[in-house]
């Protein structure tokens, strides 16, 4: 009798399997926070939200499917990502400012609902590595679209940042964009217009 090879498992399937028990932990922490609010409960909930975003990265990295090529405002998308993690940024004493080289950037092709949580996690990775001296995301018009640059010490080596970068590359390449590390401290995302 020959040994059976385990079936292949996609990133989406793995993320879904992990998301269910994580949701149970989140519900328990939320109930605990209502009964006995405190710093430890807030910190635990913050980490659960971080895990949810990283699971989103894992799911997106391994998720094939149709891509929505509708045009979106990248500045609005980055602002929404920052809003999504505003509580975590406030706990770190960080306020990001978006730097744009043009008042009216061209709209870009991406899927906002799939891209936003990954950008949010990248913003947190920047905040965690910058020790309060965060340089805001920079948007620059480039040939064929807009580049988003994030900088922080050692950012390209952070596990969460690398996961999000791989997931964003999987999302952006089919619509003409890309995501890459430019050295150890800089990540650049190219959004096609």
C-alpha atoms as a PDB file:
ATOM      1  CA  UNK A   1       0.000   0.000   0.000  1.00  0.00           C
ATOM      2  CA  UNK A   2       1.474   3.358  -1.004  1.00  0.00           C
ATOM      3  CA  UNK A   3       1.444   6.296   1.408  1.00  0.00           C
ATOM      4  CA  UNK A   4      -1.132   8.956   0.711  1.00  0.00           C
ATOM      5  CA  UNK A   5       0.064  12.417  -0.137  1.00  0.00           C
ATOM      6  CA  UNK A   6      -1.700  15.120   1.836  1.00  0.00           C
ATOM      7  CA  UNK A   7      -3.994  17.269  -0.311  1.00  0.00           C
ATOM      8  CA  UNK A   8      -2.676  20.684  -1.174  1.00  0.00           C
ATOM      9  CA  UNK A   9      -4.050  23.511   0.915  1.00  0.00           C
ATOM     10  CA  UNK A  10      -4.463  27.025  -0.404  1.00  0.00           C
ATOM     11  CA  UNK A  11      -3.662  30.135   1.584  1.00  0.00           C
ATOM     12  CA  UNK A  12      -7.376  30.960   1.608  1.00  0.00           C
ATOM     13  CA  UNK A  13      -8.325  27.578   3.054  1.00  0.00           C
ATOM     14  CA  UNK A  14      -5.656  27.838   5.727  1.00  0.00           C
ATOM     15  CA  UNK A  15      -6.702  31.395   6.612  1.00  0.00           C
ATOM     16  CA  UNK A  16     -10.346  30.314   6.877  1.00  0.00           C
ATOM     17  CA  UNK A  17      -9.408  27.419   9.171  1.00  0.00           C
ATOM     18  CA  UNK A  18      -7.521  29.805  11.473  1.00  0.00           C
ATOM     19  CA  UNK A  19     -10.101  32.593  11.315  1.00  0.00           C
ATOM     20  CA  UNK A  20     -12.853  30.533  12.979  1.00  0.00           C
ATOM     21  CA  UNK A  21     -11.054  29.903  16.301  1.00  0.00           C
ATOM     22  CA  UNK A  22      -9.677  33.453  16.227  1.00  0.00           C
ATOM     23  CA  UNK A  23     -13.241  34.781  15.990  1.00  0.00           C
ATOM     24  CA  UNK A  24     -14.136  32.809  19.125  1.00  0.00           C
ATOM     25  CA  UNK A  25     -11.167  34.318  20.971  1.00  0.00           C
ATOM     26  CA  UNK A  26     -12.168  37.794  19.793  1.00  0.00           C
ATOM     27  CA  UNK A  27     -15.761  37.366  21.018  1.00  0.00           C
ATOM     28  CA  UNK A  28     -14.504  36.184  24.416  1.00  0.00           C
ATOM     29  CA  UNK A  29     -12.119  39.144  24.700  1.00  0.00           C
ATOM     30  CA  UNK A  30     -14.854  41.591  23.726  1.00  0.00           C
ATOM     31  CA  UNK A  31     -17.116  40.145  26.439  1.00  0.00           C
ATOM     32  CA  UNK A  32     -14.259  40.343  28.952  1.00  0.00           C
ATOM     33  CA  UNK A  33     -13.623  43.948  27.897  1.00  0.00           C
ATOM     34  CA  UNK A  34     -17.246  44.855  28.665  1.00  0.00           C
ATOM     35  CA  UNK A  35     -17.170  43.096  32.055  1.00  0.00           C
ATOM     36  CA  UNK A  36     -13.691  44.159  33.162  1.00  0.00           C
ATOM     37  CA  UNK A  37     -12.181  46.745  30.836  1.00  0.00           C
ATOM     38  CA  UNK A  38      -8.461  47.162  31.116  1.00  0.00           C
ATOM     39  CA  UNK A  39      -5.174  47.604  29.342  1.00  0.00           C
ATOM     40  CA  UNK A  40      -4.488  43.882  28.960  1.00  0.00           C
ATOM     41  CA  UNK A  41      -7.846  43.265  27.293  1.00  0.00           C
ATOM     42  CA  UNK A  42      -7.303  46.188  24.903  1.00  0.00           C
ATOM     43  CA  UNK A  43      -3.834  44.896  24.033  1.00  0.00           C
ATOM     44  CA  UNK A  44      -5.173  41.386  23.437  1.00  0.00           C
ATOM     45  CA  UNK A  45      -7.936  42.727  21.176  1.00  0.00           C
ATOM     46  CA  UNK A  46      -5.357  44.767  19.277  1.00  0.00           C
ATOM     47  CA  UNK A  47      -3.337  41.610  18.639  1.00  0.00           C
ATOM     48  CA  UNK A  48      -6.464  39.766  17.516  1.00  0.00           C
ATOM     49  CA  UNK A  49      -7.147  42.526  14.973  1.00  0.00           C
ATOM     50  CA  UNK A  50      -3.528  42.238  13.807  1.00  0.00           C
ATOM     51  CA  UNK A  51      -3.957  38.484  13.376  1.00  0.00           C
ATOM     52  CA  UNK A  52      -7.155  39.089  11.392  1.00  0.00           C
ATOM     53  CA  UNK A  53      -5.284  41.390   9.011  1.00  0.00           C
ATOM     54  CA  UNK A  54      -2.432  38.903   8.616  1.00  0.00           C
ATOM     55  CA  UNK A  55      -4.950  36.155   7.896  1.00  0.00           C
ATOM     56  CA  UNK A  56      -6.432  38.442   5.258  1.00  0.00           C
ATOM     57  CA  UNK A  57      -2.944  38.711   3.760  1.00  0.00           C
ATOM     58  CA  UNK A  58      -2.612  34.928   3.735  1.00  0.00           C
ATOM     59  CA  UNK A  59      -6.046  34.489   2.171  1.00  0.00           C
ATOM     60  CA  UNK A  60      -5.388  37.113  -0.518  1.00  0.00           C
ATOM     61  CA  UNK A  61      -1.970  35.737  -1.343  1.00  0.00           C
ATOM     62  CA  UNK A  62      -3.443  32.340  -2.130  1.00  0.00           C
ATOM     63  CA  UNK A  63      -6.775  33.422  -3.572  1.00  0.00           C
ATOM     64  CA  UNK A  64      -7.281  33.211  -7.289  1.00  0.00           C
ATOM     65  CA  UNK A  65     -10.275  34.891  -8.753  1.00  0.00           C
ATOM     66  CA  UNK A  66     -11.588  37.703 -10.857  1.00  0.00           C
ATOM     67  CA  UNK A  67     -10.095  41.109 -10.282  1.00  0.00           C
ATOM     68  CA  UNK A  68     -12.157  44.254 -10.130  1.00  0.00           C
ATOM     69  CA  UNK A  69     -10.445  46.840 -12.289  1.00  0.00           C
ATOM     70  CA  UNK A  70     -12.599  49.790 -11.247  1.00  0.00           C
ATOM     71  CA  UNK A  71     -10.694  53.037 -10.744  1.00  0.00           C
ATOM     72  CA  UNK A  72     -10.186  54.199  -7.154  1.00  0.00           C
ATOM     73  CA  UNK A  73      -8.536  57.109  -5.389  1.00  0.00           C
ATOM     74  CA  UNK A  74      -5.337  55.793  -3.820  1.00  0.00           C
ATOM     75  CA  UNK A  75      -5.177  58.723  -1.382  1.00  0.00           C
ATOM     76  CA  UNK A  76      -8.686  57.845  -0.120  1.00  0.00           C
ATOM     77  CA  UNK A  77      -7.747  54.166   0.117  1.00  0.00           C
ATOM     78  CA  UNK A  78      -4.647  54.925   2.207  1.00  0.00           C
ATOM     79  CA  UNK A  79      -6.711  57.256   4.433  1.00  0.00           C
ATOM     80  CA  UNK A  80      -9.289  54.474   4.937  1.00  0.00           C
ATOM     81  CA  UNK A  81      -6.496  52.020   5.801  1.00  0.00           C
ATOM     82  CA  UNK A  82      -5.129  54.493   8.359  1.00  0.00           C
ATOM     83  CA  UNK A  83      -8.613  54.930   9.823  1.00  0.00           C
ATOM     84  CA  UNK A  84      -8.947  51.146  10.125  1.00  0.00           C
ATOM     85  CA  UNK A  85      -5.918  51.029  12.439  1.00  0.00           C
ATOM     86  CA  UNK A  86      -6.332  54.453  14.050  1.00  0.00           C
ATOM     87  CA  UNK A  87      -6.813  52.983  17.539  1.00  0.00           C
ATOM     88  CA  UNK A  88      -3.632  50.917  17.270  1.00  0.00           C
ATOM     89  CA  UNK A  89      -1.708  53.916  15.905  1.00  0.00           C
ATOM     90  CA  UNK A  90      -3.017  56.103  18.754  1.00  0.00           C
ATOM     91  CA  UNK A  91      -1.826  53.527  21.296  1.00  0.00           C
ATOM     92  CA  UNK A  92       1.633  53.861  19.752  1.00  0.00           C
ATOM     93  CA  UNK A  93       1.396  57.657  19.794  1.00  0.00           C
ATOM     94  CA  UNK A  94       1.617  57.801  16.001  1.00  0.00           C
ATOM     95  CA  UNK A  95      -0.233  60.000  13.530  1.00  0.00           C
ATOM     96  CA  UNK A  96       0.602  59.425   9.900  1.00  0.00           C
ATOM     97  CA  UNK A  97       0.483  62.148   7.308  1.00  0.00           C
ATOM     98  CA  UNK A  98       0.031  61.311   3.655  1.00  0.00           C
ATOM     99  CA  UNK A  99       2.574  62.972   1.393  1.00  0.00           C
ATOM    100  CA  UNK A 100       1.490  63.412  -2.222  1.00  0.00           C
ATOM    101  CA  UNK A 101       3.481  65.033  -5.018  1.00  0.00           C
ATOM    102  CA  UNK A 102       0.428  66.217  -6.937  1.00  0.00           C
ATOM    103  CA  UNK A 103      -2.901  67.652  -5.770  1.00  0.00           C
ATOM    104  CA  UNK A 104      -4.867  65.460  -8.171  1.00  0.00           C
ATOM    105  CA  UNK A 105      -3.457  61.965  -8.507  1.00  0.00           C
ATOM    106  CA  UNK A 106      -4.901  59.781 -11.253  1.00  0.00           C
ATOM    107  CA  UNK A 107      -7.338  57.069 -10.135  1.00  0.00           C
ATOM    108  CA  UNK A 108      -5.810  53.607  -9.896  1.00  0.00           C
ATOM    109  CA  UNK A 109      -7.039  50.080 -10.561  1.00  0.00           C
ATOM    110  CA  UNK A 110      -7.321  47.906  -7.475  1.00  0.00           C
ATOM    111  CA  UNK A 111      -9.864  46.166  -5.304  1.00  0.00           C
ATOM    112  CA  UNK A 112     -10.289  48.476  -2.291  1.00  0.00           C
ATOM    113  CA  UNK A 113     -11.972  45.917  -0.019  1.00  0.00           C
ATOM    114  CA  UNK A 114      -9.123  43.446  -0.546  1.00  0.00           C
ATOM    115  CA  UNK A 115      -6.313  46.024  -0.589  1.00  0.00           C
ATOM    116  CA  UNK A 116      -7.307  48.190   2.404  1.00  0.00           C
ATOM    117  CA  UNK A 117      -6.632  45.670   5.239  1.00  0.00           C
ATOM    118  CA  UNK A 118      -3.230  44.848   3.763  1.00  0.00           C
ATOM    119  CA  UNK A 119      -2.307  48.530   3.567  1.00  0.00           C
ATOM    120  CA  UNK A 120      -3.553  48.967   7.141  1.00  0.00           C
ATOM    121  CA  UNK A 121      -1.233  46.243   8.386  1.00  0.00           C
ATOM    122  CA  UNK A 122       1.692  47.760   6.471  1.00  0.00           C
ATOM    123  CA  UNK A 123       1.025  51.106   8.174  1.00  0.00           C
ATOM    124  CA  UNK A 124       1.160  49.354  11.554  1.00  0.00           C
ATOM    125  CA  UNK A 125       4.377  47.578  10.602  1.00  0.00           C
ATOM    126  CA  UNK A 126       5.870  51.004   9.788  1.00  0.00           C
ATOM    127  CA  UNK A 127       4.684  52.396  13.127  1.00  0.00           C
ATOM    128  CA  UNK A 128       6.092  49.413  15.051  1.00  0.00           C
ATOM    129  CA  UNK A 129       9.514  49.736  13.422  1.00  0.00           C
ATOM    130  CA  UNK A 130       9.794  53.515  13.567  1.00  0.00           C
ATOM    131  CA  UNK A 131       9.596  54.005  17.341  1.00  0.00           C
ATOM    132  CA  UNK A 132       7.418  57.087  17.011  1.00  0.00           C
ATOM    133  CA  UNK A 133       9.392  58.709  14.178  1.00  0.00           C
ATOM    134  CA  UNK A 134       7.095  57.539  11.401  1.00  0.00           C
ATOM    135  CA  UNK A 135       7.526  58.932   7.934  1.00  0.00           C
ATOM    136  CA  UNK A 136       4.102  59.069   6.321  1.00  0.00           C
ATOM    137  CA  UNK A 137       3.276  57.131   3.188  1.00  0.00           C
ATOM    138  CA  UNK A 138       4.348  58.950   0.033  1.00  0.00           C
ATOM    139  CA  UNK A 139       2.352  58.973  -3.203  1.00  0.00           C
ATOM    140  CA  UNK A 140       4.161  59.858  -6.423  1.00  0.00           C
ATOM    141  CA  UNK A 141       2.804  59.909  -9.957  1.00  0.00           C
ATOM    142  CA  UNK A 142       4.795  57.487 -12.086  1.00  0.00           C
ATOM    143  CA  UNK A 143       4.565  56.271 -15.644  1.00  0.00           C
ATOM    144  CA  UNK A 144       1.260  54.436 -15.942  1.00  0.00           C
ATOM    145  CA  UNK A 145      -0.001  55.092 -12.421  1.00  0.00           C
ATOM    146  CA  UNK A 146       0.898  56.005  -8.863  1.00  0.00           C
ATOM    147  CA  UNK A 147       3.632  54.662  -6.576  1.00  0.00           C
ATOM    148  CA  UNK A 148       3.062  54.323  -2.840  1.00  0.00           C
ATOM    149  CA  UNK A 149       6.269  54.293  -0.791  1.00  0.00           C
ATOM    150  CA  UNK A 150       6.503  53.238   2.866  1.00  0.00           C
ATOM    151  CA  UNK A 151       9.716  53.587   4.849  1.00  0.00           C
ATOM    152  CA  UNK A 152      10.803  52.355   8.269  1.00  0.00           C
ATOM    153  CA  UNK A 153      13.988  50.757   9.646  1.00  0.00           C
ATOM    154  CA  UNK A 154      14.132  47.087   8.649  1.00  0.00           C
ATOM    155  CA  UNK A 155      10.606  47.170   7.235  1.00  0.00           C
ATOM    156  CA  UNK A 156      11.341  44.753   4.387  1.00  0.00           C
ATOM    157  CA  UNK A 157      12.489  42.104   6.894  1.00  0.00           C
ATOM    158  CA  UNK A 158       9.388  42.272   9.119  1.00  0.00           C
ATOM    159  CA  UNK A 159       7.337  39.084   8.791  1.00  0.00           C
ATOM    160  CA  UNK A 160       3.985  40.881   8.712  1.00  0.00           C
ATOM    161  CA  UNK A 161       5.225  43.376   6.137  1.00  0.00           C
ATOM    162  CA  UNK A 162       6.614  40.625   3.905  1.00  0.00           C
ATOM    163  CA  UNK A 163       3.310  38.720   4.092  1.00  0.00           C
ATOM    164  CA  UNK A 164       1.321  41.815   3.155  1.00  0.00           C
ATOM    165  CA  UNK A 165       3.763  42.662   0.372  1.00  0.00           C
ATOM    166  CA  UNK A 166       3.363  39.188  -1.168  1.00  0.00           C
ATOM    167  CA  UNK A 167      -0.434  39.427  -0.912  1.00  0.00           C
ATOM    168  CA  UNK A 168      -0.465  42.910  -2.447  1.00  0.00           C
ATOM    169  CA  UNK A 169       1.754  41.753  -5.285  1.00  0.00           C
ATOM    170  CA  UNK A 170      -0.720  38.936  -5.982  1.00  0.00           C
ATOM    171  CA  UNK A 171      -3.543  41.508  -6.067  1.00  0.00           C
ATOM    172  CA  UNK A 172      -1.754  44.201  -8.086  1.00  0.00           C
ATOM    173  CA  UNK A 173       0.070  42.243 -10.797  1.00  0.00           C
ATOM    174  CA  UNK A 174      -3.099  41.052 -12.589  1.00  0.00           C
ATOM    175  CA  UNK A 175      -4.242  44.680 -12.986  1.00  0.00           C
ATOM    176  CA  UNK A 176      -0.874  46.025 -14.138  1.00  0.00           C
ATOM    177  CA  UNK A 177       0.689  46.948 -10.780  1.00  0.00           C
ATOM    178  CA  UNK A 178       3.389  45.483  -8.548  1.00  0.00           C
ATOM    179  CA  UNK A 179       4.735  45.402  -4.994  1.00  0.00           C
ATOM    180  CA  UNK A 180       8.399  45.096  -4.006  1.00  0.00           C
ATOM    181  CA  UNK A 181      11.014  45.917  -1.413  1.00  0.00           C
ATOM    182  CA  UNK A 182      13.583  48.539  -2.414  1.00  0.00           C
ATOM    183  CA  UNK A 183      16.269  47.746   0.114  1.00  0.00           C
ATOM    184  CA  UNK A 184      15.763  46.746   3.752  1.00  0.00           C
ATOM    185  CA  UNK A 185      13.860  49.879   4.798  1.00  0.00           C
ATOM    186  CA  UNK A 186      11.574  50.687   1.867  1.00  0.00           C
ATOM    187  CA  UNK A 187       8.506  49.099   0.303  1.00  0.00           C
ATOM    188  CA  UNK A 188       7.110  50.417  -2.976  1.00  0.00           C
ATOM    189  CA  UNK A 189       3.702  49.552  -4.385  1.00  0.00           C
ATOM    190  CA  UNK A 190       2.900  50.397  -7.987  1.00  0.00           C
ATOM    191  CA  UNK A 191      -0.780  50.966  -8.732  1.00  0.00           C
ATOM    192  CA  UNK A 192      -1.717  51.118 -12.420  1.00  0.00           C
ATOM    193  CA  UNK A 193      -4.073  53.863 -13.552  1.00  0.00           C
END
